[in-house]
C-alpha atoms as a PDB file:
ATOM      1  CA  MET A   1     107.381  78.664  91.057  1.00  0.00           C
ATOM      2  CA  ASN A   2     105.138  76.732  88.723  1.00  0.00           C
ATOM      3  CA  ARG A   3     107.479  73.728  88.834  1.00  0.00           C
ATOM      4  CA  PHE A   4     107.405  73.709  92.651  1.00  0.00           C
ATOM      5  CA  VAL A   5     103.596  73.867  92.862  1.00  0.00           C
ATOM      6  CA  VAL A   6     103.046  71.209  90.206  1.00  0.00           C
ATOM      7  CA  GLY A   7     105.993  68.963  91.094  1.00  0.00           C
ATOM      8  CA  ASN A   8     106.189  69.034  94.882  1.00  0.00           C
ATOM      9  CA  LEU A   9     102.658  69.955  95.919  1.00  0.00           C
ATOM     10  CA  LYS A  10     100.974  67.988  93.110  1.00  0.00           C
ATOM     11  CA  LEU A  11      98.520  70.822  92.362  1.00  0.00           C
ATOM     12  CA  LYS A  12      97.204  72.033  89.038  1.00  0.00           C
ATOM     13  CA  VAL A  13      97.979  75.617  87.988  1.00  0.00           C
ATOM     14  CA  ASN A  14      95.552  77.628  85.872  1.00  0.00           C
ATOM     15  CA  LYS A  15      97.905  79.729  83.748  1.00  0.00           C
ATOM     16  CA  GLU A  16      95.121  82.075  82.628  1.00  0.00           C
ATOM     17  CA  LYS A  17      94.404  83.155  86.202  1.00  0.00           C
ATOM     18  CA  SER A  18      97.949  82.966  87.541  1.00  0.00           C
ATOM     19  CA  ALA A  19     100.059  86.107  87.452  1.00  0.00           C
ATOM     20  CA  VAL A  20     102.589  88.102  89.404  1.00  0.00           C
ATOM     21  CA  ARG A  21     100.886  91.352  90.360  1.00  0.00           C
ATOM     22  CA  TYR A  22     101.491  94.450  92.409  1.00  0.00           C
ATOM     23  CA  VAL A  23      99.702  93.904  95.701  1.00  0.00           C
ATOM     24  CA  GLY A  24      97.506  96.987  95.232  1.00  0.00           C
ATOM     25  CA  HIS A  25      96.022  95.592  92.027  1.00  0.00           C
ATOM     26  CA  MET A  26      94.941  92.277  93.430  1.00  0.00           C
ATOM     27  CA  GLU A  27      91.436  90.982  94.056  1.00  0.00           C
ATOM     28  CA  LEU A  28      90.817  87.749  95.917  1.00  0.00           C
ATOM     29  CA  LEU A  29      87.391  86.310  96.766  1.00  0.00           C
ATOM     30  CA  GLY A  30      85.714  89.699  96.490  1.00  0.00           C
ATOM     31  CA  TYR A  31      88.273  91.574  98.567  1.00  0.00           C
ATOM     32  CA  GLY A  32      91.003  93.918  97.484  1.00  0.00           C
ATOM     33  CA  ILE A  33      94.357  94.176  99.213  1.00  0.00           C
ATOM     34  CA  TYR A  34      95.954  97.566  99.683  1.00  0.00           C
ATOM     35  CA  ARG A  35      98.966  99.062 101.456  1.00  0.00           C
ATOM     36  CA  THR A  36      98.505 101.823 104.032  1.00  0.00           C
ATOM     37  CA  ARG A  37     100.816 104.795 104.553  1.00  0.00           C
ATOM     38  CA  SER A  38     102.495 102.976 107.431  1.00  0.00           C
ATOM     39  CA  GLN A  39     103.405 100.167 104.982  1.00  0.00           C
ATOM     40  CA  ARG A  40     100.896  97.715 106.446  1.00  0.00           C
ATOM     41  CA  PHE A  41      98.337  95.816 104.441  1.00  0.00           C
ATOM     42  CA  GLY A  42      94.571  96.056 104.701  1.00  0.00           C
ATOM     43  CA  LEU A  43      91.480  94.565 103.085  1.00  0.00           C
ATOM     44  CA  LYS A  44      88.683  96.375 101.327  1.00  0.00           C
ATOM     45  CA  PHE A  45      85.400  95.194  99.868  1.00  0.00           C
ATOM     46  CA  MET A  46      85.112  95.235  96.136  1.00  0.00           C
ATOM     47  CA  GLU A  47      82.197  97.505  95.153  1.00  0.00           C
ATOM     48  CA  SER A  48      79.963  94.742  93.778  1.00  0.00           C
ATOM     49  CA  ASN A  49      80.320  92.653  96.938  1.00  0.00           C
ATOM     50  CA  TRP A  50      79.666  95.674  99.142  1.00  0.00           C
ATOM     51  CA  GLN A  51      76.368  96.285  97.343  1.00  0.00           C
ATOM     52  CA  LYS A  52      75.375  92.622  97.797  1.00  0.00           C
ATOM     53  CA  PHE A  53      76.249  92.867 101.491  1.00  0.00           C
ATOM     54  CA  VAL A  54      74.146  96.024 101.955  1.00  0.00           C
ATOM     55  CA  ARG A  55      71.154  94.498 100.145  1.00  0.00           C
ATOM     56  CA  ARG A  56      71.361  91.343 102.249  1.00  0.00           C
ATOM     57  CA  CYS A  57      71.584  93.318 105.515  1.00  0.00           C
ATOM     58  CA  LYS A  58      68.586  95.421 104.552  1.00  0.00           C
ATOM     59  CA  ALA A  59      66.587  92.311 103.669  1.00  0.00           C
ATOM     60  CA  ILE A  60      67.414  90.616 106.969  1.00  0.00           C
ATOM     61  CA  THR A  61      66.741  93.645 109.162  1.00  0.00           C
ATOM     62  CA  LYS A  62      63.341  94.548 107.695  1.00  0.00           C
ATOM     63  CA  LYS A  63      60.580  94.675 110.276  1.00  0.00           C
ATOM     64  CA  SER A  64      58.433  92.323 108.203  1.00  0.00           C
ATOM     65  CA  TYR A  65      61.156  89.645 107.925  1.00  0.00           C
ATOM     66  CA  PRO A  66      59.963  86.567 109.893  1.00  0.00           C
ATOM     67  CA  LEU A  67      62.978  85.335 111.793  1.00  0.00           C
ATOM     68  CA  SER A  68      61.525  83.725 114.913  1.00  0.00           C
END
């Protein structure tokens, strides 16, 4: 796989970050991928990103936030 990406696509591969993983143990851009009971895949927020999202929503929706 590495030969194909480097040779044909002319991309660099970071070997420290690259790995073959079980799909349930994967995190990508703050999201986790999991498999449901019906063998379909879904996305979930990673806990740290969920907390950032909640804080940002609370900051935006405050009554004293000047948005107009």
